[in-house]
Protein backbone atom coordinates (compact mmCIF):
# COMPACT_ATOMS: atom_id res chain seq x y z
CA UNK A 1 -0.05 0.14 0.01
CA UNK A 2 2.75 2.45 1.00
CA UNK A 3 4.77 1.71 -2.07
CA UNK A 4 1.80 2.15 -4.37
CA UNK A 5 0.88 5.39 -2.78
CA UNK A 6 4.40 6.62 -2.88
CA UNK A 7 4.58 5.73 -6.55
CA UNK A 8 1.34 7.60 -7.18
CA UNK A 9 2.76 10.69 -5.70
CA UNK A 10 6.05 10.75 -7.61
CA UNK A 11 6.86 13.60 -9.99
CA UNK A 12 5.86 13.93 -13.68
CA UNK A 13 9.49 13.08 -14.75
CA UNK A 14 9.10 9.43 -13.87
CA UNK A 15 5.42 9.06 -15.09
CA UNK A 16 5.33 11.39 -18.08
CA UNK A 17 6.26 8.81 -20.81
CA UNK A 18 3.88 6.22 -19.48
CA UNK A 19 1.04 8.48 -19.30
CA UNK A 20 1.78 9.75 -22.78
CA UNK A 21 1.83 6.22 -24.08
CA UNK A 22 -1.70 5.56 -22.22
CA UNK A 23 -3.09 8.65 -23.82
CA UNK A 24 -1.91 7.46 -27.15
CA UNK A 25 -3.40 4.11 -26.71
CA UNK A 26 -6.72 5.55 -25.70
CA UNK A 27 -6.65 7.71 -28.76
CA UNK A 28 -5.90 4.93 -31.05
CA UNK A 29 -8.71 2.91 -29.51
CA UNK A 30 -11.09 5.72 -29.94
CA UNK A 31 -10.18 6.31 -33.59
CA UNK A 32 -10.56 2.35 -34.13
CA UNK A 33 -14.11 2.49 -32.64
CA UNK A 34 -14.98 5.51 -34.91
CA UNK A 35 -13.80 3.58 -37.82
CA UNK A 36 -15.77 0.48 -36.89
CA UNK A 37 -18.84 2.46 -36.29
CA UNK A 38 -18.51 4.16 -39.68
CA UNK A 39 -17.98 0.68 -41.41
CA UNK A 40 -20.93 -0.70 -39.67
CA UNK A 41 -23.38 2.40 -40.31
CA UNK A 42 -26.54 1.27 -42.09
CA UNK A 43 -26.71 2.02 -45.75
CA UNK A 44 -29.03 4.69 -47.16
CA UNK A 45 -31.43 3.74 -49.80
CA UNK A 46 -34.82 4.29 -51.52
CA UNK A 47 -37.29 1.60 -52.04
CA UNK A 48 -39.76 1.41 -55.19
CA UNK A 49 -42.27 -1.19 -56.22
CA UNK A 50 -41.85 -2.33 -59.80
CA UNK A 51 -45.31 -3.11 -61.19
CA UNK A 52 -43.85 -3.65 -64.68
CA UNK A 53 -41.75 -6.48 -63.44
CA UNK A 54 -44.77 -7.82 -61.62
CA UNK A 55 -46.78 -7.78 -64.76
CA UNK A 56 -44.36 -10.08 -66.55
CA UNK A 57 -45.52 -13.01 -64.30
CA UNK A 58 -49.12 -12.20 -64.57
CA UNK A 59 -50.06 -14.87 -66.94
CA UNK A 60 -53.37 -16.41 -68.23
CA UNK A 61 -52.41 -19.87 -69.43
CA UNK A 62 -49.82 -22.43 -68.53
CA UNK A 63 -47.62 -21.21 -65.69
CA UNK A 64 -49.95 -19.04 -63.50
CA UNK A 65 -47.94 -18.90 -60.23
CA UNK A 66 -45.22 -20.31 -58.30
CA UNK A 67 -43.20 -19.42 -55.13
CA UNK A 68 -39.40 -19.63 -54.28
CA UNK A 69 -38.30 -17.52 -57.24
CA UNK A 70 -34.59 -17.99 -57.21
CA UNK A 71 -32.41 -16.71 -60.01
CA UNK A 72 -29.17 -17.84 -61.50
CA UNK A 73 -27.23 -16.12 -64.12
CA UNK A 74 -26.44 -18.35 -67.00
CA UNK A 75 -24.39 -16.09 -69.15
CA UNK A 76 -25.05 -14.36 -72.44
CA UNK A 77 -28.01 -12.40 -70.98
CA UNK A 78 -29.99 -15.52 -69.87
CA UNK A 79 -31.24 -15.84 -66.42
CA UNK A 80 -32.76 -19.02 -64.92
CA UNK A 81 -35.73 -18.74 -62.57
CA UNK A 82 -36.46 -21.64 -60.23
CA UNK A 83 -39.83 -22.08 -58.59
CA UNK A 84 -41.27 -24.39 -55.83
CA UNK A 85 -44.96 -25.46 -55.98
CA UNK A 86 -46.40 -24.02 -59.14
CA UNK A 87 -49.93 -23.48 -60.61
CA UNK A 88 -50.48 -24.74 -64.17
CA UNK A 89 -53.71 -23.96 -65.79
CA UNK A 90 -55.78 -20.91 -66.84
CA UNK A 91 -56.75 -17.50 -65.40
CA UNK A 92 -60.11 -15.86 -66.18
CA UNK A 93 -61.61 -12.86 -64.45
CA UNK A 94 -58.82 -12.95 -61.92
CA UNK A 95 -59.42 -16.53 -60.81
CA UNK A 96 -57.31 -19.67 -61.45
CA UNK A 97 -59.43 -22.16 -63.38
CA UNK A 98 -58.82 -25.90 -64.18
CA UNK A 99 -55.47 -25.49 -62.31
CA UNK A 100 -53.03 -28.17 -61.03
CA UNK A 101 -50.32 -27.76 -58.55
CA UNK A 102 -46.90 -29.19 -59.25
CA UNK A 103 -43.89 -29.31 -57.07
CA UNK A 104 -41.37 -27.23 -59.08
CA UNK A 105 -40.85 -25.35 -62.43
CA UNK A 106 -38.40 -23.17 -64.14
CA UNK A 107 -38.28 -20.16 -66.51
CA UNK A 108 -35.58 -18.73 -68.62
CA UNK A 109 -35.41 -14.97 -69.00
CA UNK A 110 -33.73 -13.88 -72.29
CA UNK A 111 -32.12 -10.43 -72.04
CA UNK A 112 -33.05 -7.19 -70.19
CA UNK A 113 -35.34 -7.00 -67.18
CA UNK A 114 -38.40 -9.25 -66.52
CA UNK A 115 -40.55 -6.19 -67.79
CA UNK A 116 -38.95 -6.08 -71.14
CA UNK A 117 -37.41 -9.60 -71.69
CA UNK A 118 -38.87 -12.81 -73.15
CA UNK A 119 -39.83 -15.24 -70.40
CA UNK A 120 -40.30 -18.92 -71.31
CA UNK A 121 -41.65 -21.36 -68.75
CA UNK A 122 -40.80 -25.07 -68.19
CA UNK A 123 -42.23 -28.18 -66.59
CA UNK A 124 -42.93 -31.65 -67.70
CA UNK A 125 -46.09 -32.94 -69.28
CA UNK A 126 -47.22 -36.53 -68.76
CA UNK A 127 -48.62 -38.69 -71.55
CA UNK A 128 -52.08 -37.83 -70.64
CA UNK A 129 -51.45 -34.09 -70.92
CA UNK A 130 -51.22 -33.47 -67.21
CA UNK A 131 -48.41 -31.12 -65.98
CA UNK A 132 -45.63 -32.64 -63.85
CA UNK A 133 -42.62 -31.30 -62.01
CA UNK A 134 -39.39 -30.61 -63.73
CA UNK A 135 -37.34 -32.41 -61.14
CA UNK A 136 -38.15 -35.46 -59.11
CA UNK A 137 -36.20 -37.43 -56.57
CA UNK A 138 -34.63 -40.49 -57.85
CA UNK A 139 -35.55 -42.56 -54.83
CA UNK A 140 -39.11 -41.88 -55.22
CA UNK A 141 -39.50 -40.29 -51.81
CA UNK A 142 -41.56 -37.01 -51.64
CA UNK A 143 -40.79 -34.22 -53.87
CA UNK A 144 -38.02 -31.52 -54.75
CA UNK A 145 -38.38 -27.73 -53.93
CA UNK A 146 -35.51 -25.86 -55.68
CA UNK A 147 -33.14 -23.61 -53.56
CA UNK A 148 -30.33 -21.59 -55.14
CA UNK A 149 -27.66 -22.72 -57.34
CA UNK A 150 -24.65 -21.25 -59.23
CA UNK A 151 -23.26 -21.38 -62.85
CA UNK A 152 -19.44 -22.04 -62.77
CA UNK A 153 -16.80 -22.77 -65.49
CA UNK A 154 -17.53 -26.48 -64.88
CA UNK A 155 -21.37 -26.30 -65.25
CA UNK A 156 -24.74 -25.55 -63.65
CA UNK A 157 -25.25 -26.65 -59.97
CA UNK A 158 -28.59 -26.62 -58.33
CA UNK A 159 -29.45 -27.16 -54.55
CA UNK A 160 -32.61 -29.08 -54.15
CA UNK A 161 -34.71 -29.74 -50.89
CA UNK A 162 -36.29 -33.22 -50.73
CA UNK A 163 -39.56 -32.90 -48.84
CA UNK A 164 -42.43 -35.14 -48.04
CA UNK A 165 -45.88 -34.66 -46.58
CA UNK A 166 -46.30 -34.57 -42.63
CA UNK A 167 -48.79 -33.52 -40.10
CA UNK A 168 -49.13 -29.79 -39.85
CA UNK A 169 -51.49 -26.78 -40.17
CA UNK A 170 -52.80 -25.61 -43.49
CA UNK A 171 -50.21 -24.67 -46.08
CA UNK A 172 -47.42 -26.22 -43.77
CA UNK A 173 -48.08 -29.94 -43.91
CA UNK A 174 -44.62 -31.00 -44.91
CA UNK A 175 -41.06 -31.77 -43.34
CA UNK A 176 -37.64 -31.79 -44.79
CA UNK A 177 -36.06 -35.16 -45.64
CA UNK A 178 -32.70 -34.19 -47.17
CA UNK A 179 -30.66 -31.68 -49.37
CA UNK A 180 -29.29 -32.75 -52.78
CA UNK A 181 -26.81 -30.91 -54.97
CA UNK A 182 -27.50 -31.48 -58.69
CA UNK A 183 -25.25 -30.95 -61.67
CA UNK A 184 -26.82 -30.24 -65.06
CA UNK A 185 -24.88 -31.80 -67.72
CA UNK A 186 -26.33 -29.72 -70.64
CA UNK A 187 -27.41 -26.25 -69.22
CA UNK A 188 -27.21 -24.81 -72.81
CA UNK A 189 -30.44 -26.72 -73.72
CA UNK A 190 -33.92 -25.83 -72.58
CA UNK A 191 -34.57 -27.01 -68.84
CA UNK A 192 -37.26 -29.55 -70.14
CA UNK A 193 -34.31 -31.37 -71.73
CA UNK A 194 -31.84 -31.19 -68.95
CA UNK A 195 -29.99 -34.23 -67.76
CA UNK A 196 -29.58 -33.87 -64.01
CA UNK A 197 -26.91 -35.76 -61.88
CA UNK A 198 -27.78 -35.29 -58.10
CA UNK A 199 -25.92 -36.31 -54.94
CA UNK A 200 -27.37 -36.06 -51.33
CA UNK A 201 -25.57 -33.70 -49.22
CA UNK A 202 -24.10 -35.87 -46.31
CA UNK A 203 -24.73 -33.16 -43.78
CA UNK A 204 -28.28 -32.17 -44.69
CA UNK A 205 -31.09 -33.24 -42.46
CA UNK A 206 -34.47 -32.02 -41.12
CA UNK A 207 -32.75 -29.49 -39.07
CA UNK A 208 -29.81 -28.38 -41.07
CA UNK A 209 -29.63 -27.58 -44.76
CA UNK A 210 -27.37 -25.90 -47.31
CA UNK A 211 -28.13 -23.93 -50.43
CA UNK A 212 -30.33 -20.96 -49.16
CA UNK A 213 -28.01 -18.83 -51.13
CA UNK A 214 -24.68 -19.40 -53.10
CA UNK A 215 -22.05 -16.75 -53.87
CA UNK A 216 -18.95 -16.96 -56.13
CA UNK A 217 -16.09 -14.93 -54.83
CA UNK A 218 -12.29 -15.24 -55.79
CA UNK A 219 -12.70 -18.76 -57.08
CA UNK A 220 -14.56 -20.08 -54.08
CA UNK A 221 -18.28 -21.06 -53.77
CA UNK A 222 -19.72 -19.75 -50.45
CA UNK A 223 -22.77 -21.85 -49.69
CA UNK A 224 -25.15 -20.52 -47.11
CA UNK A 225 -27.53 -22.64 -45.15
CA UNK A 226 -29.56 -22.68 -41.93
CA UNK A 227 -29.65 -24.87 -38.73
CA UNK A 228 -32.75 -25.04 -36.65
CA UNK A 229 -32.28 -24.35 -32.79
CA UNK A 230 -35.10 -24.64 -30.19
CA UNK A 231 -35.15 -22.36 -27.23
CA UNK A 232 -38.04 -22.15 -24.77
CA UNK A 233 -40.27 -24.09 -27.24
CA UNK A 234 -39.61 -21.76 -30.19
CA UNK A 235 -37.58 -22.88 -33.14
CA UNK A 236 -35.31 -20.28 -34.75
CA UNK A 237 -33.15 -20.53 -37.96
CA UNK A 238 -29.48 -19.52 -37.55
CA UNK A 239 -27.35 -19.03 -40.69
CA UNK A 240 -24.25 -21.25 -41.27
CA UNK A 241 -21.81 -20.99 -44.03
CA UNK A 242 -19.53 -23.45 -46.07
CA UNK A 243 -17.05 -22.79 -48.62
CA UNK A 244 -15.32 -24.92 -51.43
CA UNK A 245 -13.33 -24.24 -54.60
CA UNK A 246 -15.88 -23.65 -57.29
CA UNK A 247 -14.57 -26.30 -59.43
CA UNK A 248 -14.93 -28.90 -56.66
CA UNK A 249 -18.47 -28.26 -55.65
CA UNK A 250 -19.54 -31.95 -55.70
CA UNK A 251 -16.42 -32.97 -53.80
CA UNK A 252 -17.99 -32.91 -50.35
CA UNK A 253 -14.63 -33.71 -48.66
CA UNK A 254 -13.36 -30.35 -49.91
CA UNK A 255 -16.11 -28.31 -48.15
CA UNK A 256 -15.02 -26.23 -45.18
CA UNK A 257 -17.26 -24.74 -42.56
CA UNK A 258 -16.80 -21.36 -40.93
CA UNK A 259 -16.21 -21.92 -37.30
CA UNK A 260 -16.23 -18.26 -36.27
CA UNK A 261 -12.45 -17.76 -36.67
CA UNK A 262 -11.28 -20.33 -39.12
CA UNK A 263 -12.53 -22.68 -41.94
CA UNK A 264 -12.72 -26.34 -40.63
CA UNK A 265 -13.66 -29.77 -41.93
CA UNK A 266 -16.31 -30.57 -39.24
CA UNK A 267 -19.74 -29.40 -39.98
CA UNK A 268 -20.78 -29.60 -36.31
CA UNK A 269 -18.07 -26.96 -35.71
CA UNK A 270 -19.83 -24.41 -38.08
CA UNK A 271 -20.51 -21.27 -36.15
CA UNK A 272 -23.76 -19.21 -36.47
CA UNK A 273 -22.73 -16.19 -38.60
CA UNK A 274 -26.01 -14.55 -37.79
CA UNK A 275 -29.32 -15.38 -35.92
CA UNK A 276 -32.99 -15.22 -36.44
CA UNK A 277 -32.73 -15.85 -40.02
CA UNK A 278 -35.24 -17.18 -42.74
CA UNK A 279 -35.00 -20.52 -44.66
CA UNK A 280 -34.86 -18.47 -47.89
CA UNK A 281 -32.64 -15.45 -48.40
CA UNK A 282 -30.02 -14.03 -50.64
CA UNK A 283 -26.51 -12.87 -50.11
CA UNK A 284 -24.55 -10.72 -52.91
CA UNK A 285 -21.98 -8.25 -53.25
CA UNK A 286 -23.32 -4.91 -53.70
CA UNK A 287 -20.63 -2.90 -55.79
CA UNK A 288 -22.18 0.57 -54.83
CA UNK A 289 -21.66 -0.15 -51.17
CA UNK A 290 -18.60 -2.17 -51.31
CA UNK A 291 -20.32 -4.60 -49.06
CA UNK A 292 -22.16 -7.82 -48.97
CA UNK A 293 -25.87 -7.61 -48.53
CA UNK A 294 -28.20 -10.35 -47.06
CA UNK A 295 -31.94 -10.01 -47.91
CA UNK A 296 -34.50 -11.91 -45.93
CA UNK A 297 -38.12 -11.91 -44.58
CA UNK A 298 -38.20 -11.19 -40.98
CA UNK A 299 -38.81 -14.45 -39.01
CA UNK A 300 -39.19 -16.42 -42.28
CA UNK A 301 -42.94 -15.42 -42.48
CA UNK A 302 -43.80 -11.81 -42.08
CA UNK A 303 -44.96 -8.77 -43.87
CA UNK A 304 -41.63 -7.27 -43.31
CA UNK A 305 -38.39 -7.41 -45.29
CA UNK A 306 -34.86 -6.72 -43.95
CA UNK A 307 -31.30 -6.46 -44.95
CA UNK A 308 -28.04 -6.95 -43.25
CA UNK A 309 -24.61 -5.95 -44.61
CA UNK A 310 -21.10 -7.34 -44.03
CA UNK A 311 -17.55 -6.55 -45.16
CA UNK A 312 -16.77 -10.14 -46.05
CA UNK A 313 -18.95 -13.24 -47.00
CA UNK A 314 -18.75 -14.56 -43.41
CA UNK A 315 -19.34 -11.33 -41.71
CA UNK A 316 -19.50 -9.85 -39.18
CA UNK A 317 -23.18 -9.08 -40.19
CA UNK A 318 -24.76 -5.94 -39.06
CA UNK A 319 -28.02 -5.57 -37.37
CA UNK A 320 -31.30 -6.14 -39.47
CA UNK A 321 -32.65 -3.04 -41.29
CA UNK A 322 -36.20 -3.23 -42.30
CA UNK A 323 -36.79 -1.81 -45.65
CA UNK A 324 -40.31 -2.83 -47.08
CA UNK A 325 -43.60 -4.19 -45.86
CA UNK A 326 -45.68 -6.10 -48.38
CA UNK A 327 -49.05 -4.57 -49.00
CA UNK A 328 -50.75 -7.99 -49.80
CA UNK A 329 -50.75 -8.95 -46.16
CA UNK A 330 -53.43 -6.24 -45.62
CA UNK A 331 -55.82 -7.54 -48.12
CA UNK A 332 -56.91 -10.57 -46.21
CA UNK A 333 -55.98 -12.14 -42.66
CA UNK A 334 -55.24 -15.26 -44.46
CA UNK A 335 -52.41 -13.90 -46.50
CA UNK A 336 -48.86 -14.15 -45.45
CA UNK A 337 -45.63 -13.02 -47.00
CA UNK A 338 -42.22 -14.82 -47.27
CA UNK A 339 -39.38 -15.82 -49.43
CA UNK A 340 -37.69 -12.33 -49.87
CA UNK A 341 -34.46 -12.39 -51.70
CA UNK A 342 -32.20 -10.26 -53.86
CA UNK A 343 -31.36 -10.78 -57.52
CA UNK A 344 -28.24 -9.09 -58.55
CA UNK A 345 -28.52 -10.70 -62.13
CA UNK A 346 -31.42 -8.27 -62.65
CA UNK A 347 -29.68 -5.06 -61.53
CA UNK A 348 -29.30 -2.22 -64.07
CA UNK A 349 -26.37 -0.67 -62.17
CA UNK A 350 -23.98 -0.93 -59.36
CA UNK A 351 -26.18 1.09 -56.95
CA UNK A 352 -29.36 -1.12 -57.21
CA UNK A 353 -30.72 -4.46 -56.07
CA UNK A 354 -33.84 -6.01 -57.32
CA UNK A 355 -35.82 -7.94 -54.59
CA UNK A 356 -38.71 -10.37 -54.81
CA UNK A 357 -41.03 -11.68 -52.31
CA UNK A 358 -44.17 -14.03 -52.45
CA UNK A 359 -47.64 -13.65 -50.90
CA UNK A 360 -49.29 -16.86 -50.14
CA UNK A 361 -52.43 -17.91 -48.31
CA UNK A 362 -53.43 -20.41 -45.50
CA UNK A 363 -56.58 -21.00 -47.45
CA UNK A 364 -56.00 -22.90 -50.72
CA UNK A 365 -59.44 -21.52 -52.07
CA UNK A 366 -58.10 -18.10 -51.70
CA UNK A 367 -55.13 -18.98 -53.99
CA UNK A 368 -57.62 -20.27 -56.56
CA UNK A 369 -59.88 -17.29 -56.38
CA UNK A 370 -57.20 -14.50 -56.48
CA UNK A 371 -54.60 -15.00 -59.11
CA UNK A 372 -52.70 -12.02 -57.81
CA UNK A 373 -51.43 -14.21 -55.06
CA UNK A 374 -48.48 -16.80 -55.30
CA UNK A 375 -46.19 -15.14 -57.78
CA UNK A 376 -42.98 -13.06 -57.60
CA UNK A 377 -43.52 -9.43 -56.60
CA UNK A 378 -40.82 -6.83 -57.07
CA UNK A 379 -39.30 -3.82 -55.43
CA UNK A 380 -36.02 -2.13 -56.22
CA UNK A 381 -33.50 -1.04 -53.58
CA UNK A 382 -31.51 1.97 -54.85
CA UNK A 383 -28.42 2.54 -52.55
CA UNK A 384 -27.09 5.86 -51.80
CA UNK A 385 -23.89 4.81 -49.99
CA UNK A 386 -22.87 5.48 -46.36
């Protein structure tokens, strides 16, 4: 005690350099905090609905609606659209007529935006003339819902969720069986003629999946997924991340998982890169911001859409920032919105991101009586920088 007291009362000549170093460290720490806060500042943007894009999917015969709505750039101005459950039939006076629901379909957009490009829709047709899904599980169990995918120098790769019927409330009577990664051997042909080689992802199960979003960066494919975690009787989806050299996507032994500080071979060590996510979302690099942007529906099912930003694919991801609420949720208490995601393939410039979402209903009769539901709806985010 006496020695400490004596040291504290010494003259400045003995303590000056130490105090100066302390002040310098404090100043550097404060500057670092300011830089970090500036980097994490939420982006500024404007939001606008795109009714012209909406109208491109307002069809009266054949494909009349589908959810999911993932896009993959195929090159040469072509964009692949992948849909989950799909209505095929006719629309008259705003109602779906003689419609059948199949489990998946696709479309090719040739050039320009959806409002100005040619859109051609694809699904199979059985011998009796009935529509059928474009992709079906080879093991005959359940059905496929497409997730995201990527076109690399080696080919076109599609992530497919294998789902089967299960007990549940209206519109939610299903459960996840497995996740598959498919390679299309002939992506230059029309989707109806594609040859698909698919392998089951060894780490995919009813609580963990990969393929919610896929990002190519510096020769690596970053594969985002989710894991379900239960707490106090509530199940929340947390984002996990894998990466692999783009030319080795089907080599599951080459996949590495982000542990929070490193990339490791053990999937169980995958750290949660952000919490409270949705099953469907997108991650893309936004040139106008110089940052990565994640687009998702709050809680997975909600009128509200939000974004996060990060300096790197693995984060750290900022807090959610709400940017739009779908008006369709106010039309009827049975309507819900989901599947918000960005489509960098559709952007007209470095400062914008085109976003879609889907409005569904818990009452199937409402989907049949109101053809405005159950198809992509578009909004545009125009970023103004930080």
